[in-house]
Amino acid sequence: MNLRKITFGALWGPLMLLMNGCQPESKTQIGTMECAFEWSGPLYEGSNPAQELVKVDLASLLGNQFQEGMKITKIQLKSAELSGDSASGLNGIGSLVMSIASDDPSLPMKELAVLNPVSAPSGQAILKPSPEAELSEFFAQKEFYLVVDAGLTADRDQNLRLTGKFQWEIQYR
């Protein structure tokens, strides 16, 4: 019995390594996307989510590296920056949480980035991306939602508008 296992491993092990070595090398590209999030006042202290529908367009994210039929192997958020309309645009925001969601019920919402507490006197908040959030399933859809939850420190009568700039690390073959 042991001899069978050893023989099986000795024959199939190298064959599997050889087959894995024949796959094309994975390449990495950074793609940038911008979108705006809007909240209509009055807004209340605590959690205030806003979402933006994003149409998946790998050709614009990958630029001239895009080829029809290419296989996306992994996508992760590398940076997320939210800016207010003015220098005071982030005043009164205590925390920011960014998530991704889909209409596909098999894809649960994932947290992408967070900043708590928000201390952005320049009007720009740089969120800390989650290194565990792998997103290729969301980019395989036609569209998905980016959700930003602004945790307000007090009630606010004015509207709130934040512009986001996001960089995605895309691995493909």
C-alpha atoms as a PDB file:
ATOM      1  CA  MET A   1       0.000   0.000   0.000  1.00  0.00           C
ATOM      2  CA  ASN A   2       2.782   2.476   0.871  1.00  0.00           C
ATOM      3  CA  LEU A   3       4.665   1.580  -2.306  1.00  0.00           C
ATOM      4  CA  ARG A   4       1.545   2.449  -4.343  1.00  0.00           C
ATOM      5  CA  LYS A   5       1.301   5.889  -2.719  1.00  0.00           C
ATOM      6  CA  ILE A   6       4.989   6.590  -3.255  1.00  0.00           C
ATOM      7  CA  THR A   7       4.794   5.520  -6.906  1.00  0.00           C
ATOM      8  CA  PHE A   8       1.629   7.570  -7.443  1.00  0.00           C
ATOM      9  CA  GLY A   9       3.233  10.670  -5.892  1.00  0.00           C
ATOM     10  CA  ALA A  10       6.473  10.171  -7.807  1.00  0.00           C
ATOM     11  CA  LEU A  11       4.638  10.052 -11.133  1.00  0.00           C
ATOM     12  CA  TRP A  12       1.865  12.603 -10.657  1.00  0.00           C
ATOM     13  CA  GLY A  13       3.701  15.185  -8.537  1.00  0.00           C
ATOM     14  CA  PRO A  14       6.162  16.278 -11.265  1.00  0.00           C
ATOM     15  CA  LEU A  15       3.403  16.124 -13.884  1.00  0.00           C
ATOM     16  CA  MET A  16       1.240  18.548 -11.856  1.00  0.00           C
ATOM     17  CA  LEU A  17       4.204  20.899 -11.340  1.00  0.00           C
ATOM     18  CA  LEU A  18       4.904  20.840 -15.083  1.00  0.00           C
ATOM     19  CA  MET A  19       1.264  21.640 -15.923  1.00  0.00           C
ATOM     20  CA  ASN A  20       1.227  24.569 -13.468  1.00  0.00           C
ATOM     21  CA  GLY A  21       4.441  25.903 -14.973  1.00  0.00           C
ATOM     22  CA  CYS A  22       2.831  26.033 -18.425  1.00  0.00           C
ATOM     23  CA  GLN A  23       0.281  28.662 -17.415  1.00  0.00           C
ATOM     24  CA  PRO A  24       1.078  32.186 -18.579  1.00  0.00           C
ATOM     25  CA  GLU A  25       2.725  34.477 -16.071  1.00  0.00           C
ATOM     26  CA  SER A  26       0.375  36.735 -14.153  1.00  0.00           C
ATOM     27  CA  LYS A  27       0.707  40.483 -14.763  1.00  0.00           C
ATOM     28  CA  THR A  28      -0.298  43.356 -12.498  1.00  0.00           C
ATOM     29  CA  GLN A  29      -1.745  46.745 -13.452  1.00  0.00           C
ATOM     30  CA  ILE A  30      -3.048  49.639 -11.346  1.00  0.00           C
ATOM     31  CA  GLY A  31      -6.366  51.084 -12.510  1.00  0.00           C
ATOM     32  CA  THR A  32      -7.873  54.343 -11.226  1.00  0.00           C
ATOM     33  CA  MET A  33     -11.550  55.169 -10.841  1.00  0.00           C
ATOM     34  CA  GLU A  34     -13.336  58.276  -9.580  1.00  0.00           C
ATOM     35  CA  CYS A  35     -16.920  58.687  -8.408  1.00  0.00           C
ATOM     36  CA  ALA A  36     -19.031  60.972  -6.230  1.00  0.00           C
ATOM     37  CA  PHE A  37     -21.194  60.197  -3.216  1.00  0.00           C
ATOM     38  CA  GLU A  38     -24.061  62.495  -2.222  1.00  0.00           C
ATOM     39  CA  TRP A  39     -26.165  62.772   0.927  1.00  0.00           C
ATOM     40  CA  SER A  40     -29.219  65.045   1.065  1.00  0.00           C
ATOM     41  CA  GLY A  41     -29.747  66.971   4.300  1.00  0.00           C
ATOM     42  CA  PRO A  42     -30.921  66.960   6.926  1.00  0.00           C
ATOM     43  CA  LEU A  43     -28.475  64.289   8.089  1.00  0.00           C
ATOM     44  CA  TYR A  44     -28.431  62.860  11.572  1.00  0.00           C
ATOM     45  CA  GLU A  45     -25.654  61.978  13.988  1.00  0.00           C
ATOM     46  CA  GLY A  46     -24.335  58.456  13.434  1.00  0.00           C
ATOM     47  CA  SER A  47     -24.320  56.230  10.373  1.00  0.00           C
ATOM     48  CA  ASN A  48     -25.281  57.788   7.014  1.00  0.00           C
ATOM     49  CA  PRO A  49     -24.664  55.505   4.005  1.00  0.00           C
ATOM     50  CA  ALA A  50     -24.544  56.640   0.377  1.00  0.00           C
ATOM     51  CA  GLN A  51     -23.995  54.433  -2.638  1.00  0.00           C
ATOM     52  CA  GLU A  52     -22.818  54.839  -6.182  1.00  0.00           C
ATOM     53  CA  LEU A  53     -23.549  52.373  -8.987  1.00  0.00           C
ATOM     54  CA  VAL A  54     -20.338  51.469 -10.834  1.00  0.00           C
ATOM     55  CA  LYS A  55     -20.491  49.964 -14.328  1.00  0.00           C
ATOM     56  CA  VAL A  56     -17.619  47.513 -14.756  1.00  0.00           C
ATOM     57  CA  ASP A  57     -15.291  48.724 -17.515  1.00  0.00           C
ATOM     58  CA  LEU A  58     -12.036  46.779 -17.404  1.00  0.00           C
ATOM     59  CA  ALA A  59     -10.921  48.346 -20.685  1.00  0.00           C
ATOM     60  CA  SER A  60     -10.796  51.810 -19.106  1.00  0.00           C
ATOM     61  CA  LEU A  61      -9.115  50.505 -15.936  1.00  0.00           C
ATOM     62  CA  LEU A  62      -6.431  48.534 -17.791  1.00  0.00           C
ATOM     63  CA  GLY A  63      -5.972  50.913 -20.719  1.00  0.00           C
ATOM     64  CA  ASN A  64      -3.907  49.491 -23.577  1.00  0.00           C
ATOM     65  CA  GLN A  65      -3.127  46.356 -21.511  1.00  0.00           C
ATOM     66  CA  PHE A  66      -6.752  45.205 -21.919  1.00  0.00           C
ATOM     67  CA  GLN A  67      -7.339  42.314 -24.302  1.00  0.00           C
ATOM     68  CA  GLU A  68     -10.641  40.609 -25.084  1.00  0.00           C
ATOM     69  CA  GLY A  69     -10.844  37.243 -23.315  1.00  0.00           C
ATOM     70  CA  MET A  70      -8.149  37.982 -20.725  1.00  0.00           C
ATOM     71  CA  LYS A  71      -8.534  36.254 -17.349  1.00  0.00           C
ATOM     72  CA  ILE A  72      -8.692  38.425 -14.248  1.00  0.00           C
ATOM     73  CA  THR A  73      -7.126  36.445 -11.398  1.00  0.00           C
ATOM     74  CA  LYS A  74      -7.265  38.945  -8.527  1.00  0.00           C
ATOM     75  CA  ILE A  75      -8.414  42.513  -7.786  1.00  0.00           C
ATOM     76  CA  GLN A  76      -7.769  44.451  -4.587  1.00  0.00           C
ATOM     77  CA  LEU A  77      -8.305  48.034  -3.493  1.00  0.00           C
ATOM     78  CA  LYS A  78      -4.875  49.635  -3.054  1.00  0.00           C
ATOM     79  CA  SER A  79      -5.871  53.188  -2.123  1.00  0.00           C
ATOM     80  CA  ALA A  80      -9.026  55.139  -1.372  1.00  0.00           C
ATOM     81  CA  GLU A  81      -9.155  58.912  -0.986  1.00  0.00           C
ATOM     82  CA  LEU A  82     -12.310  60.875  -0.267  1.00  0.00           C
ATOM     83  CA  SER A  83     -12.425  64.651  -0.664  1.00  0.00           C
ATOM     84  CA  GLY A  84     -15.037  67.188   0.343  1.00  0.00           C
ATOM     85  CA  ASP A  85     -16.298  69.941  -1.965  1.00  0.00           C
ATOM     86  CA  SER A  86     -14.390  72.458   0.156  1.00  0.00           C
ATOM     87  CA  ALA A  87     -11.818  72.388   2.952  1.00  0.00           C
ATOM     88  CA  SER A  88     -14.700  72.162   5.425  1.00  0.00           C
ATOM     89  CA  GLY A  89     -16.312  69.280   3.508  1.00  0.00           C
ATOM     90  CA  LEU A  90     -15.153  66.672   6.036  1.00  0.00           C
ATOM     91  CA  ASN A  91     -15.999  68.703   9.154  1.00  0.00           C
ATOM     92  CA  GLY A  92     -18.407  66.841  11.395  1.00  0.00           C
ATOM     93  CA  ILE A  93     -17.486  63.407   9.987  1.00  0.00           C
ATOM     94  CA  GLY A  94     -16.090  61.128  12.685  1.00  0.00           C
ATOM     95  CA  SER A  95     -15.575  57.969  10.612  1.00  0.00           C
ATOM     96  CA  LEU A  96     -15.692  56.741   7.025  1.00  0.00           C
ATOM     97  CA  VAL A  97     -16.278  53.134   5.987  1.00  0.00           C
ATOM     98  CA  MET A  98     -16.247  52.034   2.349  1.00  0.00           C
ATOM     99  CA  SER A  99     -17.843  48.761   1.226  1.00  0.00           C
ATOM    100  CA  ILE A 100     -18.696  46.970  -2.004  1.00  0.00           C
ATOM    101  CA  ALA A 101     -22.033  45.288  -2.750  1.00  0.00           C
ATOM    102  CA  SER A 102     -23.795  43.612  -5.647  1.00  0.00           C
ATOM    103  CA  ASP A 103     -27.324  42.747  -6.740  1.00  0.00           C
ATOM    104  CA  ASP A 104     -26.099  39.121  -6.919  1.00  0.00           C
ATOM    105  CA  PRO A 105     -27.290  37.469  -3.676  1.00  0.00           C
ATOM    106  CA  SER A 106     -24.351  35.029  -3.746  1.00  0.00           C
ATOM    107  CA  LEU A 107     -21.910  37.940  -3.249  1.00  0.00           C
ATOM    108  CA  PRO A 108     -22.034  39.242   0.311  1.00  0.00           C
ATOM    109  CA  MET A 109     -21.157  42.881   0.978  1.00  0.00           C
ATOM    110  CA  LYS A 110     -17.456  43.346   1.777  1.00  0.00           C
ATOM    111  CA  GLU A 111     -15.756  46.102   3.729  1.00  0.00           C
ATOM    112  CA  LEU A 112     -13.017  47.667   1.594  1.00  0.00           C
ATOM    113  CA  ALA A 113     -11.512  50.526   3.600  1.00  0.00           C
ATOM    114  CA  VAL A 114     -11.951  52.505   6.806  1.00  0.00           C
ATOM    115  CA  LEU A 115     -10.802  55.705   8.476  1.00  0.00           C
ATOM    116  CA  ASN A 116     -11.639  56.207  12.134  1.00  0.00           C
ATOM    117  CA  PRO A 117     -11.245  58.831  13.439  1.00  0.00           C
ATOM    118  CA  VAL A 118     -11.379  61.234  10.517  1.00  0.00           C
ATOM    119  CA  SER A 119      -8.847  63.996  10.988  1.00  0.00           C
ATOM    120  CA  ALA A 120      -8.552  65.715   7.648  1.00  0.00           C
ATOM    121  CA  PRO A 121      -8.036  69.481   7.959  1.00  0.00           C
ATOM    122  CA  SER A 122      -7.062  69.603   4.268  1.00  0.00           C
ATOM    123  CA  GLY A 123     -10.469  68.303   3.199  1.00  0.00           C
ATOM    124  CA  GLN A 124      -9.011  64.970   2.053  1.00  0.00           C
ATOM    125  CA  ALA A 125      -9.347  61.658   3.897  1.00  0.00           C
ATOM    126  CA  ILE A 126      -7.103  58.719   3.021  1.00  0.00           C
ATOM    127  CA  LEU A 127      -8.808  55.489   4.037  1.00  0.00           C
ATOM    128  CA  LYS A 128      -6.935  52.342   5.041  1.00  0.00           C
ATOM    129  CA  PRO A 129      -7.753  49.503   2.583  1.00  0.00           C
ATOM    130  CA  SER A 130      -8.458  45.987   3.817  1.00  0.00           C
ATOM    131  CA  PRO A 131      -5.705  43.662   2.547  1.00  0.00           C
ATOM    132  CA  GLU A 132      -8.048  40.642   2.788  1.00  0.00           C
ATOM    133  CA  ALA A 133     -10.775  41.925   0.448  1.00  0.00           C
ATOM    134  CA  GLU A 134     -10.420  40.133  -2.896  1.00  0.00           C
ATOM    135  CA  LEU A 135     -12.845  41.582  -5.447  1.00  0.00           C
ATOM    136  CA  SER A 136     -12.559  39.733  -8.759  1.00  0.00           C
ATOM    137  CA  GLU A 137     -16.088  38.288  -8.299  1.00  0.00           C
ATOM    138  CA  PHE A 138     -17.527  41.820  -8.145  1.00  0.00           C
ATOM    139  CA  PHE A 139     -15.611  42.944 -11.243  1.00  0.00           C
ATOM    140  CA  ALA A 140     -16.909  39.849 -13.080  1.00  0.00           C
ATOM    141  CA  GLN A 141     -20.422  41.354 -12.753  1.00  0.00           C
ATOM    142  CA  LYS A 142     -21.773  44.011 -15.130  1.00  0.00           C
ATOM    143  CA  GLU A 143     -22.055  46.467 -12.247  1.00  0.00           C
ATOM    144  CA  PHE A 144     -21.643  46.786  -8.495  1.00  0.00           C
ATOM    145  CA  TYR A 145     -22.172  49.379  -5.778  1.00  0.00           C
ATOM    146  CA  LEU A 146     -19.573  51.297  -3.825  1.00  0.00           C
ATOM    147  CA  VAL A 147     -21.044  52.293  -0.473  1.00  0.00           C
ATOM    148  CA  VAL A 148     -19.572  54.983   1.789  1.00  0.00           C
ATOM    149  CA  ASP A 149     -20.897  55.211   5.321  1.00  0.00           C
ATOM    150  CA  ALA A 150     -20.170  58.611   6.854  1.00  0.00           C
ATOM    151  CA  GLY A 151     -20.398  58.511  10.641  1.00  0.00           C
ATOM    152  CA  LEU A 152     -21.453  62.035  11.617  1.00  0.00           C
ATOM    153  CA  THR A 153     -20.541  63.477  15.010  1.00  0.00           C
ATOM    154  CA  ALA A 154     -23.645  65.724  15.069  1.00  0.00           C
ATOM    155  CA  ASP A 155     -26.822  66.459  13.129  1.00  0.00           C
ATOM    156  CA  ARG A 156     -26.310  68.452   9.925  1.00  0.00           C
ATOM    157  CA  ASP A 157     -28.821  70.413   7.866  1.00  0.00           C
ATOM    158  CA  GLN A 158     -26.615  70.824   4.790  1.00  0.00           C
ATOM    159  CA  ASN A 159     -26.143  68.330   1.979  1.00  0.00           C
ATOM    160  CA  LEU A 160     -22.875  66.412   1.879  1.00  0.00           C
ATOM    161  CA  ARG A 161     -20.906  65.549  -1.243  1.00  0.00           C
ATOM    162  CA  LEU A 162     -17.656  63.586  -1.283  1.00  0.00           C
ATOM    163  CA  THR A 163     -15.585  62.709  -4.317  1.00  0.00           C
ATOM    164  CA  GLY A 164     -13.672  59.450  -4.242  1.00  0.00           C
ATOM    165  CA  LYS A 165     -10.509  58.462  -6.063  1.00  0.00           C
ATOM    166  CA  PHE A 166      -9.748  54.748  -5.931  1.00  0.00           C
ATOM    167  CA  GLN A 167      -6.821  52.702  -7.145  1.00  0.00           C
ATOM    168  CA  TRP A 168      -7.316  49.006  -7.866  1.00  0.00           C
ATOM    169  CA  GLU A 169      -4.522  46.465  -8.243  1.00  0.00           C
ATOM    170  CA  ILE A 170      -5.581  44.108 -11.021  1.00  0.00           C
ATOM    171  CA  GLN A 171      -3.790  40.829 -11.668  1.00  0.00           C
ATOM    172  CA  TYR A 172      -4.506  39.117 -14.983  1.00  0.00           C
ATOM    173  CA  ARG A 173      -3.269  36.584 -17.507  1.00  0.00           C
END
